[in-house]
Amino acid sequence: MRLSYPSNVKVIQVPCSGRVDIIHLLKAIEDGADGVYVAGCLEGECHFLTGNFKAKKRVQYVKKVLEELGIEPERVEMFNLSAGEGPRFAEIATEMTERIRELGPSPVKPQNAA
């Protein structure tokens, strides 16, 4: 099945959402991403047992850091879905794209940008 989601969504696959670290999320924002989301397993169904809980805690921490920096915490989010929910993934991608469009461009500009 071919999924249709916004072309500005860049998918980075990892073996487990638990492998996504705080630094990865913050670096994406620092590099100019307008928003970042993590799609992890359904709670209680993680192959690695607690990876999705670790990812959820890290996303919450990054949201708090962004808020302290005066950046909208809504720019970072965690979603839980199963690998078989491709249409839901596309729906989430669209939802996040709309959310970010409403927030506008990130206030963080890459240092090498003109």
C-alpha atoms as a PDB file:
ATOM      1  CA  MET A   1       0.000   0.000   0.000  1.00  0.00           C
ATOM      2  CA  ARG A   2       1.329   3.417  -0.940  1.00  0.00           C
ATOM      3  CA  LEU A   3       0.948   6.000   1.796  1.00  0.00           C
ATOM      4  CA  SER A   4       0.400   9.632   1.051  1.00  0.00           C
ATOM      5  CA  TYR A   5       1.789  12.103   3.553  1.00  0.00           C
ATOM      6  CA  PRO A   6       3.272  15.599   3.241  1.00  0.00           C
ATOM      7  CA  SER A   7       6.515  15.689   1.268  1.00  0.00           C
ATOM      8  CA  ASN A   8       8.196  17.910   3.864  1.00  0.00           C
ATOM      9  CA  VAL A   9       8.126  15.063   6.426  1.00  0.00           C
ATOM     10  CA  LYS A  10      11.533  13.418   6.666  1.00  0.00           C
ATOM     11  CA  VAL A  11      11.374   9.884   8.056  1.00  0.00           C
ATOM     12  CA  ILE A  12      14.371   8.601   9.990  1.00  0.00           C
ATOM     13  CA  GLN A  13      13.988   4.951  10.904  1.00  0.00           C
ATOM     14  CA  VAL A  14      15.503   3.563  14.098  1.00  0.00           C
ATOM     15  CA  PRO A  15      15.244   0.020  15.490  1.00  0.00           C
ATOM     16  CA  CYS A  16      13.248   1.324  18.468  1.00  0.00           C
ATOM     17  CA  SER A  17      11.886   4.722  19.478  1.00  0.00           C
ATOM     18  CA  GLY A  18      13.904   4.239  22.669  1.00  0.00           C
ATOM     19  CA  ARG A  19      17.020   4.889  20.563  1.00  0.00           C
ATOM     20  CA  VAL A  20      15.908   8.480  19.938  1.00  0.00           C
ATOM     21  CA  ASP A  21      17.871  10.583  22.383  1.00  0.00           C
ATOM     22  CA  ILE A  22      17.225  14.062  23.721  1.00  0.00           C
ATOM     23  CA  ILE A  23      20.199  15.343  21.734  1.00  0.00           C
ATOM     24  CA  HIS A  24      18.674  14.049  18.467  1.00  0.00           C
ATOM     25  CA  LEU A  25      15.465  15.986  19.066  1.00  0.00           C
ATOM     26  CA  LEU A  26      17.229  19.172  20.137  1.00  0.00           C
ATOM     27  CA  LYS A  27      19.731  18.938  17.267  1.00  0.00           C
ATOM     28  CA  ALA A  28      16.886  18.692  14.743  1.00  0.00           C
ATOM     29  CA  ILE A  29      15.364  21.899  16.140  1.00  0.00           C
ATOM     30  CA  GLU A  30      18.784  23.576  16.268  1.00  0.00           C
ATOM     31  CA  ASP A  31      19.389  22.601  12.637  1.00  0.00           C
ATOM     32  CA  GLY A  32      16.218  24.418  11.638  1.00  0.00           C
ATOM     33  CA  ALA A  33      13.460  21.792  11.729  1.00  0.00           C
ATOM     34  CA  ASP A  34      10.139  23.513  12.369  1.00  0.00           C
ATOM     35  CA  GLY A  35       8.891  20.461  14.255  1.00  0.00           C
ATOM     36  CA  VAL A  36       9.839  16.912  15.203  1.00  0.00           C
ATOM     37  CA  TYR A  37       7.777  13.920  16.182  1.00  0.00           C
ATOM     38  CA  VAL A  38       8.575  10.414  17.311  1.00  0.00           C
ATOM     39  CA  ALA A  39       6.355   7.514  16.275  1.00  0.00           C
ATOM     40  CA  GLY A  40       6.784   4.626  18.701  1.00  0.00           C
ATOM     41  CA  CYS A  41       5.101   1.322  19.444  1.00  0.00           C
ATOM     42  CA  LEU A  42       1.823   1.171  21.282  1.00  0.00           C
ATOM     43  CA  GLU A  43       2.316   1.303  25.030  1.00  0.00           C
ATOM     44  CA  GLY A  44       2.814  -2.193  26.377  1.00  0.00           C
ATOM     45  CA  GLU A  45       3.736  -3.579  22.944  1.00  0.00           C
ATOM     46  CA  CYS A  46       7.370  -2.518  22.592  1.00  0.00           C
ATOM     47  CA  HIS A  47       9.570  -5.329  21.270  1.00  0.00           C
ATOM     48  CA  PHE A  48      12.363  -3.923  23.445  1.00  0.00           C
ATOM     49  CA  LEU A  49       9.946  -3.717  26.418  1.00  0.00           C
ATOM     50  CA  THR A  50      10.459  -0.109  27.568  1.00  0.00           C
ATOM     51  CA  GLY A  51      11.817   1.754  24.549  1.00  0.00           C
ATOM     52  CA  ASN A  52       8.618   3.656  23.880  1.00  0.00           C
ATOM     53  CA  PHE A  53       8.396   4.730  27.537  1.00  0.00           C
ATOM     54  CA  LYS A  54      11.973   6.029  27.379  1.00  0.00           C
ATOM     55  CA  ALA A  55      11.163   7.923  24.176  1.00  0.00           C
ATOM     56  CA  LYS A  56       8.026   9.406  25.750  1.00  0.00           C
ATOM     57  CA  LYS A  57      10.024  10.670  28.767  1.00  0.00           C
ATOM     58  CA  ARG A  58      12.657  12.175  26.468  1.00  0.00           C
ATOM     59  CA  VAL A  59      10.053  13.932  24.341  1.00  0.00           C
ATOM     60  CA  GLN A  60       8.437  15.359  27.498  1.00  0.00           C
ATOM     61  CA  TYR A  61      11.837  16.581  28.690  1.00  0.00           C
ATOM     62  CA  VAL A  62      12.566  18.269  25.346  1.00  0.00           C
ATOM     63  CA  LYS A  63       9.137  19.934  25.423  1.00  0.00           C
ATOM     64  CA  LYS A  64      10.019  21.361  28.847  1.00  0.00           C
ATOM     65  CA  VAL A  65      13.424  22.581  27.617  1.00  0.00           C
ATOM     66  CA  LEU A  66      11.853  24.256  24.583  1.00  0.00           C
ATOM     67  CA  GLU A  67       9.297  25.987  26.777  1.00  0.00           C
ATOM     68  CA  GLU A  68      12.073  27.289  29.047  1.00  0.00           C
ATOM     69  CA  LEU A  69      13.823  28.641  25.939  1.00  0.00           C
ATOM     70  CA  GLY A  70      10.672  30.424  24.803  1.00  0.00           C
ATOM     71  CA  ILE A  71       9.999  28.006  21.933  1.00  0.00           C
ATOM     72  CA  GLU A  72       6.579  26.402  21.544  1.00  0.00           C
ATOM     73  CA  PRO A  73       6.724  22.903  23.093  1.00  0.00           C
ATOM     74  CA  GLU A  74       4.053  21.809  20.582  1.00  0.00           C
ATOM     75  CA  ARG A  75       6.831  21.635  17.993  1.00  0.00           C
ATOM     76  CA  VAL A  76       7.863  18.260  19.476  1.00  0.00           C
ATOM     77  CA  GLU A  77       5.492  15.328  19.998  1.00  0.00           C
ATOM     78  CA  MET A  78       5.329  11.594  20.621  1.00  0.00           C
ATOM     79  CA  PHE A  79       2.761   9.311  18.998  1.00  0.00           C
ATOM     80  CA  ASN A  80       2.156   5.634  19.695  1.00  0.00           C
ATOM     81  CA  LEU A  81       0.955   3.343  16.926  1.00  0.00           C
ATOM     82  CA  SER A  82       1.575  -0.161  15.683  1.00  0.00           C
ATOM     83  CA  ALA A  83       3.713  -0.982  12.649  1.00  0.00           C
ATOM     84  CA  GLY A  84       0.556  -2.085  10.833  1.00  0.00           C
ATOM     85  CA  GLU A  85      -1.080   1.333  11.114  1.00  0.00           C
ATOM     86  CA  GLY A  86       0.345   2.904   7.967  1.00  0.00           C
ATOM     87  CA  PRO A  87      -2.730   5.041   7.286  1.00  0.00           C
ATOM     88  CA  ARG A  88      -2.579   6.330  10.877  1.00  0.00           C
ATOM     89  CA  PHE A  89       1.097   7.232  10.344  1.00  0.00           C
ATOM     90  CA  ALA A  90       0.138   9.274   7.276  1.00  0.00           C
ATOM     91  CA  GLU A  91      -2.664  10.924   9.267  1.00  0.00           C
ATOM     92  CA  ILE A  92      -0.240  11.862  12.067  1.00  0.00           C
ATOM     93  CA  ALA A  93       2.224  13.273   9.529  1.00  0.00           C
ATOM     94  CA  THR A  94      -0.535  15.462   8.135  1.00  0.00           C
ATOM     95  CA  GLU A  95      -1.693  16.523  11.621  1.00  0.00           C
ATOM     96  CA  MET A  96       1.836  17.506  12.654  1.00  0.00           C
ATOM     97  CA  THR A  97       2.407  19.373   9.400  1.00  0.00           C
ATOM     98  CA  GLU A  98      -0.782  21.380   9.980  1.00  0.00           C
ATOM     99  CA  ARG A  99       0.155  22.048  13.611  1.00  0.00           C
ATOM    100  CA  ILE A 100       3.580  23.326  12.599  1.00  0.00           C
ATOM    101  CA  ARG A 101       2.123  25.409   9.763  1.00  0.00           C
ATOM    102  CA  GLU A 102      -0.135  27.141  12.323  1.00  0.00           C
ATOM    103  CA  LEU A 103       2.849  27.790  14.631  1.00  0.00           C
ATOM    104  CA  GLY A 104       4.879  29.191  11.762  1.00  0.00           C
ATOM    105  CA  PRO A 105       8.580  28.777  11.041  1.00  0.00           C
ATOM    106  CA  SER A 106      10.901  27.828  13.863  1.00  0.00           C
ATOM    107  CA  PRO A 107      12.420  30.776  15.701  1.00  0.00           C
ATOM    108  CA  VAL A 108      15.707  28.868  15.676  1.00  0.00           C
ATOM    109  CA  LYS A 109      17.793  29.541  12.590  1.00  0.00           C
ATOM    110  CA  PRO A 110      20.842  27.485  11.657  1.00  0.00           C
ATOM    111  CA  GLN A 111      24.033  29.460  12.287  1.00  0.00           C
ATOM    112  CA  ASN A 112      25.261  28.938   8.727  1.00  0.00           C
ATOM    113  CA  ALA A 113      22.042  30.324   7.193  1.00  0.00           C
ATOM    114  CA  ALA A 114      22.276  33.655   5.444  1.00  0.00           C
END
